[in-house]
Protein backbone atom coordinates (compact mmCIF):
# COMPACT_ATOMS: atom_id res chain seq x y z
CA MET A 1 115.43 -96.71 -77.22
CA HIS A 2 114.49 -96.95 -80.87
CA LEU A 3 118.13 -96.32 -81.82
CA LYS A 4 119.31 -99.19 -79.62
CA LEU A 5 116.67 -101.53 -81.02
CA ARG A 6 117.64 -100.58 -84.58
CA THR A 7 121.31 -101.18 -83.83
CA LEU A 8 120.46 -104.59 -82.36
CA VAL A 9 118.44 -105.61 -85.43
CA VAL A 10 121.23 -104.55 -87.80
CA GLY A 11 123.76 -106.46 -85.72
CA LEU A 12 121.66 -109.62 -85.78
CA ALA A 13 121.24 -109.33 -89.55
CA LEU A 14 124.98 -109.03 -90.05
CA LEU A 15 125.50 -112.03 -87.79
CA VAL A 16 123.10 -114.14 -89.88
CA VAL A 17 124.84 -113.15 -93.14
CA SER A 18 128.32 -113.81 -91.77
CA SER A 19 127.28 -117.22 -90.45
CA ALA A 20 125.86 -118.20 -93.86
CA VAL A 21 129.00 -117.19 -95.77
CA GLN A 22 132.19 -119.16 -95.16
CA ALA A 23 135.59 -119.46 -96.73
CA ALA A 24 135.55 -121.71 -99.79
CA ASP A 25 136.18 -125.35 -98.89
CA LEU A 26 137.06 -126.36 -102.48
CA GLU A 27 139.73 -125.05 -104.83
CA LEU A 28 138.06 -124.06 -108.09
CA TYR A 29 139.46 -124.85 -111.55
CA VAL A 30 137.87 -123.28 -114.63
CA LYS A 31 138.78 -124.82 -117.98
CA ASN A 32 141.78 -126.55 -116.41
CA ARG A 33 143.18 -123.40 -114.80
CA PRO A 34 143.08 -122.28 -111.15
CA PHE A 35 140.34 -119.68 -110.76
CA GLN A 36 141.84 -116.27 -109.96
CA GLY A 37 138.66 -114.62 -108.62
CA ALA A 38 137.10 -114.74 -105.18
CA THR A 39 135.22 -117.82 -103.98
CA LEU A 40 133.19 -118.64 -100.89
CA THR A 41 130.85 -121.28 -99.50
CA ARG A 42 127.26 -120.30 -98.77
CA GLY A 43 124.55 -122.71 -97.73
CA GLY A 44 126.91 -125.61 -98.43
CA GLN A 45 127.36 -124.51 -102.06
CA LEU A 46 130.53 -123.16 -103.67
CA HIS A 47 130.03 -119.61 -105.00
CA ALA A 48 132.33 -117.49 -107.18
CA GLU A 49 132.50 -113.87 -108.24
CA LEU A 50 130.26 -113.63 -111.31
CA GLY A 51 132.34 -111.27 -113.45
CA ALA A 52 135.64 -113.08 -112.90
CA LEU A 53 133.89 -116.40 -113.50
CA LEU A 54 132.38 -115.36 -116.85
CA GLN A 55 135.75 -114.04 -117.98
CA ALA A 56 137.50 -117.27 -116.96
CA ILE A 57 134.97 -119.28 -118.99
CA GLY A 58 135.76 -117.10 -122.01
CA TYR A 59 132.59 -114.97 -122.16
CA SER A 60 131.99 -111.23 -122.37
CA TRP A 61 129.07 -109.11 -121.20
CA THR A 62 127.47 -105.68 -121.29
CA LEU A 63 125.47 -103.98 -118.56
CA ASP A 64 122.24 -102.09 -119.23
CA GLY A 65 120.80 -100.99 -115.92
CA THR A 66 120.41 -104.25 -114.02
CA ARG A 67 120.38 -106.41 -117.17
CA VAL A 68 123.61 -108.32 -117.88
CA GLU A 69 123.79 -109.42 -121.53
CA ILE A 70 126.25 -112.33 -121.76
CA SER A 71 127.98 -113.25 -125.02
CA ARG A 72 129.84 -116.48 -125.78
CA THR A 73 132.79 -114.48 -127.15
CA SER A 74 135.72 -113.55 -124.92
CA GLY A 75 136.37 -110.01 -123.78
CA GLY A 76 135.11 -109.51 -120.25
CA GLY A 77 132.98 -106.53 -119.33
CA PRO A 78 132.16 -103.93 -116.68
CA VAL A 79 132.20 -104.58 -112.94
CA LEU A 80 129.19 -106.57 -111.73
CA ALA A 81 127.96 -105.54 -108.30
CA GLY A 82 124.87 -106.22 -106.21
CA SER A 83 122.33 -109.02 -105.99
CA SER A 84 119.59 -107.43 -108.15
CA LEU A 85 121.33 -108.00 -111.51
CA GLN A 86 119.55 -110.11 -114.15
CA PRO A 87 122.01 -112.19 -116.21
CA CYS A 88 120.81 -113.01 -119.75
CA LEU A 89 122.26 -115.38 -122.35
CA ASP A 90 121.23 -115.33 -126.00
CA GLY A 91 118.69 -112.66 -125.08
CA LYS A 92 116.94 -114.89 -122.54
CA PRO A 93 116.95 -114.23 -118.76
CA LEU A 94 118.72 -116.88 -116.70
CA ALA A 95 117.13 -118.21 -113.53
CA LEU A 96 120.03 -117.23 -111.29
CA SER A 97 120.01 -115.93 -107.74
CA LEU A 98 122.97 -113.69 -106.99
CA VAL A 99 124.52 -112.96 -103.63
CA GLU A 100 126.14 -109.65 -102.76
CA VAL A 101 129.32 -109.88 -100.71
CA GLN A 102 131.36 -106.74 -100.12
CA GLY A 103 129.61 -105.04 -103.03
CA ARG A 104 130.37 -107.79 -105.56
CA SER A 105 127.99 -110.27 -107.23
CA PHE A 106 128.54 -113.94 -106.43
CA VAL A 107 126.79 -116.93 -108.01
CA SER A 108 126.45 -120.61 -107.15
CA LEU A 109 128.63 -122.78 -109.41
CA ALA A 110 125.98 -125.51 -109.49
CA ASP A 111 123.24 -123.04 -110.50
CA LEU A 112 125.39 -121.39 -113.18
CA ALA A 113 126.33 -124.76 -114.69
CA ARG A 114 122.69 -125.81 -114.77
CA VAL A 115 121.31 -122.75 -116.57
CA MET A 116 124.28 -122.31 -118.93
CA ASP A 117 124.76 -125.99 -119.80
CA LEU A 118 128.24 -126.22 -118.32
CA SER A 119 130.01 -129.13 -116.66
CA TYR A 120 130.48 -128.67 -112.92
CA ARG A 121 132.13 -131.44 -110.89
CA PRO A 122 132.91 -130.87 -107.21
CA THR A 123 135.24 -133.50 -105.74
CA PRO A 124 135.43 -133.01 -101.96
CA ALA A 125 137.74 -136.00 -101.56
CA LEU A 126 140.40 -134.12 -103.56
CA GLY A 127 139.43 -130.68 -102.29
CA ILE A 128 138.78 -129.39 -105.83
CA ALA A 129 135.90 -128.40 -108.09
CA ASP A 130 136.03 -128.20 -111.88
CA LEU A 131 133.91 -126.00 -114.17
CA ASN A 132 134.14 -126.79 -117.86
CA VAL A 133 132.54 -126.27 -121.25
CA PRO A 134 130.66 -129.16 -122.91
CA VAL A 135 132.58 -131.13 -125.52
CA SER A 136 130.34 -129.78 -128.31
CA ARG A 137 131.77 -126.31 -127.71
CA ILE A 138 135.43 -127.29 -127.41
CA GLN A 139 137.60 -127.13 -130.50
CA VAL A 140 139.34 -130.49 -130.62
CA ARG A 141 142.88 -130.35 -131.96
CA ALA A 142 144.47 -133.13 -133.93
CA THR A 143 146.53 -135.40 -131.73
CA PRO A 144 150.24 -134.57 -132.18
CA VAL A 145 152.71 -137.27 -133.00
CA ALA A 146 155.61 -137.78 -130.65
CA SER A 147 158.04 -135.75 -132.76
CA GLU A 148 155.64 -132.78 -132.75
CA ALA A 149 154.74 -132.89 -129.08
CA PRO A 150 155.60 -129.65 -127.25
CA VAL A 151 157.88 -129.67 -124.26
CA ALA A 152 156.22 -128.12 -121.24
CA SER A 153 157.92 -125.99 -118.62
CA GLY A 154 160.25 -127.86 -116.31
CA GLY A 155 161.43 -130.22 -119.04
CA THR A 156 158.22 -132.26 -119.22
CA ALA A 157 157.07 -133.42 -122.64
CA ALA A 158 153.51 -134.58 -123.33
CA THR A 159 152.71 -136.90 -126.19
CA ASP A 160 149.71 -138.86 -127.46
CA SER A 161 150.12 -142.14 -129.28
CA SER A 162 148.64 -145.58 -129.78
CA LYS A 163 151.80 -147.61 -129.38
CA PRO A 164 151.91 -150.71 -127.16
CA ALA A 165 153.38 -150.29 -123.71
CA SER A 166 156.88 -151.57 -123.05
CA THR A 167 159.09 -152.01 -120.00
CA SER A 168 162.23 -153.16 -121.80
CA SER A 169 164.52 -150.49 -123.16
CA ASP A 170 165.89 -150.92 -126.67
CA LYS A 171 168.70 -148.47 -125.93
CA PRO A 172 172.13 -150.04 -125.27
CA GLY A 173 173.21 -149.76 -121.64
CA MET A 174 169.74 -148.63 -120.47
CA VAL A 175 167.02 -150.39 -118.49
CA GLU A 176 163.32 -149.71 -118.06
CA THR A 177 161.19 -150.66 -115.08
CA ASP A 178 157.65 -150.35 -113.83
CA GLY A 179 158.90 -151.14 -110.35
CA THR A 180 159.20 -154.91 -110.91
CA ASN A 181 162.37 -155.22 -113.00
CA ARG A 182 165.04 -156.97 -110.90
CA LEU A 183 167.75 -155.14 -112.86
CA SER A 184 166.52 -151.79 -111.49
CA PRO A 185 166.42 -150.51 -107.90
CA ILE A 186 163.64 -148.00 -108.74
CA GLN A 187 160.63 -148.22 -106.43
CA ILE A 188 157.21 -146.84 -107.43
CA LEU A 189 156.01 -145.45 -104.10
CA LYS A 190 152.53 -144.36 -105.16
CA THR A 191 150.48 -143.29 -108.17
CA ASP A 192 147.41 -141.11 -107.60
CA PHE A 193 144.67 -141.20 -110.22
CA PHE A 194 141.31 -139.48 -110.72
CA ASP A 195 139.02 -139.73 -113.76
CA SER A 196 135.77 -137.76 -114.02
CA THR A 197 134.78 -139.42 -117.31
CA THR A 198 131.15 -140.56 -117.31
CA PRO A 199 130.23 -142.89 -120.19
CA GLY A 200 127.14 -141.85 -122.12
CA THR A 201 127.40 -138.13 -121.34
CA SER A 202 128.28 -135.26 -123.67
CA PHE A 203 130.92 -133.75 -121.39
CA VAL A 204 134.68 -134.10 -121.66
CA GLY A 205 136.15 -136.23 -118.90
CA GLU A 206 139.09 -134.88 -116.91
CA VAL A 207 141.95 -137.13 -115.85
CA ARG A 208 144.41 -136.15 -113.11
CA THR A 209 147.37 -138.27 -112.07
CA SER A 210 150.69 -138.01 -110.26
CA THR A 211 153.39 -140.35 -109.00
CA SER A 212 156.34 -140.71 -106.64
CA ILE A 213 159.45 -142.84 -107.23
CA ARG A 214 162.56 -143.61 -105.19
CA ASN A 215 166.07 -144.91 -105.83
CA GLY A 216 166.18 -147.90 -103.49
CA SER A 217 169.86 -148.68 -103.97
CA ASP A 218 173.00 -147.40 -102.26
CA GLN A 219 174.38 -146.28 -105.61
CA PRO A 220 173.43 -143.23 -107.70
CA LEU A 221 171.43 -143.74 -110.88
CA GLU A 222 172.30 -141.79 -114.01
CA LYS A 223 170.29 -140.69 -117.05
CA VAL A 224 166.98 -141.23 -115.23
CA THR A 225 163.79 -140.42 -117.13
CA LEU A 226 160.27 -140.87 -115.76
CA HIS A 227 157.38 -141.75 -118.08
CA LEU A 228 153.84 -141.32 -116.73
CA ARG A 229 151.42 -142.96 -119.15
CA LEU A 230 147.69 -143.37 -119.62
CA MET A 231 146.81 -146.81 -120.99
CA ASN A 232 143.66 -148.00 -122.71
CA LEU A 233 142.09 -151.45 -122.29
CA ALA A 234 144.25 -152.81 -125.14
CA ASN A 235 147.35 -151.86 -123.11
CA GLU A 236 148.23 -149.11 -125.59
CA VAL A 237 149.65 -145.74 -124.61
CA VAL A 238 147.05 -143.05 -125.33
CA HIS A 239 148.95 -140.25 -123.59
CA GLU A 240 152.39 -139.90 -122.04
CA TRP A 241 154.22 -137.29 -119.99
CA THR A 242 158.03 -137.54 -120.06
CA HIS A 243 159.99 -136.05 -117.16
CA PRO A 244 163.81 -136.03 -117.46
CA ILE A 245 165.40 -136.39 -114.02
CA GLY A 246 169.08 -137.02 -114.74
CA LEU A 247 170.95 -138.07 -111.61
CA MET A 248 169.15 -139.76 -108.70
CA ARG A 249 171.28 -140.12 -105.60
CA PRO A 250 170.90 -143.13 -103.28
CA GLY A 251 167.55 -142.99 -101.48
CA ALA A 252 166.43 -139.93 -103.47
CA GLN A 253 162.70 -139.49 -104.05
CA VAL A 254 161.08 -137.70 -106.98
CA ASP A 255 157.44 -136.54 -106.89
CA PHE A 256 155.95 -135.76 -110.28
CA THR A 257 152.70 -134.02 -111.19
CA PRO A 258 152.14 -133.15 -114.87
CA GLU A 259 151.74 -129.52 -115.88
CA PRO A 260 149.05 -128.73 -116.80
CA PRO A 261 147.60 -131.21 -114.30
CA VAL A 262 144.58 -132.31 -116.39
CA TRP A 263 144.29 -134.51 -119.49
CA TYR A 264 141.00 -134.14 -121.35
CA ASN A 265 139.45 -137.48 -122.26
CA TYR A 266 137.74 -136.31 -125.47
CA ASN A 267 136.90 -139.85 -126.58
CA ARG A 268 135.58 -140.78 -123.12
CA ILE A 269 137.51 -144.07 -123.03
CA GLN A 270 138.59 -146.02 -119.97
CA VAL A 271 142.21 -145.32 -119.06
CA THR A 272 144.55 -146.40 -116.29
CA PRO A 273 147.90 -144.93 -115.20
CA GLN A 274 151.27 -146.61 -115.72
CA VAL A 275 154.69 -145.47 -114.52
CA VAL A 276 157.85 -146.51 -116.37
CA VAL A 277 161.31 -145.29 -115.37
CA GLU A 278 164.33 -145.50 -117.66
CA HIS A 279 167.91 -145.20 -116.41
CA GLN A 280 171.46 -146.29 -117.13
CA LEU A 281 172.05 -149.93 -116.24
CA GLN A 282 174.04 -150.33 -113.04
CA PRO A 283 177.10 -152.60 -113.26
CA ASP A 284 176.73 -155.88 -111.36
CA PRO A 285 179.46 -156.02 -108.64
CA GLU A 286 179.66 -159.85 -108.90
CA GLU A 287 180.13 -159.74 -112.68
CA GLU A 288 182.79 -157.04 -112.33
CA ALA A 289 184.66 -159.13 -109.77
CA ALA A 290 184.48 -162.37 -111.82
CA PRO A 291 187.08 -161.47 -114.50
CA GLU A 292 189.49 -160.33 -111.81
CA GLY A 293 189.15 -163.66 -109.99
CA GLN A 294 189.65 -165.64 -113.18
CA ASP A 295 192.83 -163.70 -114.00
CA GLY A 296 194.16 -164.36 -110.51
CA GLY A 297 193.51 -168.10 -110.79
CA GLY A 298 195.42 -168.34 -114.09
CA ARG A 299 198.65 -166.95 -112.75
């Protein structure tokens, strides 16, 4: 009888634990990269595996019994298991409650950000959560000029500048459009935009954007290049991604998301997205037919 009662109690305990732990409902990004460790939702809060999380932030740690000494230098550390561990930073214990799941230590992202002065921004509407380091701890690089901007994978170049925006190409035989140029059949179907910048805070804002365009004509377009820009209030380009497309067949649609997908707003300024598409100017059928008609009338 006692054995049956004990089995029942253990079963109920497991049921309570399993009901409290659910699959993660948000995709976690740490320092602009998809988190590679395990995540889960417990009590409505996103949790992540502590060791993998510290390593993704760029920290290292040592283990002395149950004491976890965390250092702000990269390097990782030993496996962290159990819920009785005491994380410490700069020699001071952190007020963190750990959860043990399948022998591994998990921690609430909100709690970790609070005690370690990190930036944590869950965005349920986008299905993502971002964990970042405050701007005071990020080494800001000088903004590259256009000629020095690296070309990312997939033929996408990213540049920063302060040049005014333009929708008229200065290249012979080419046309630019933001979707309103009557000389271009390009249609801007949609442009998604998200900006976590909060004025007056010390954290770096994160900007995410993407766009979709379509060739609305019955003719192919050649030498197509898509420019996805971030504009300031003075209508100047503060950042630009360039995506060479080449040939767009009639009715073809191109969906573009920059890689990496986040632009860090170090200066915490207000920005808005702008899409400009450049392509070879299509010949006007009426203009092509006009010389032929004139020649015929002169004979």
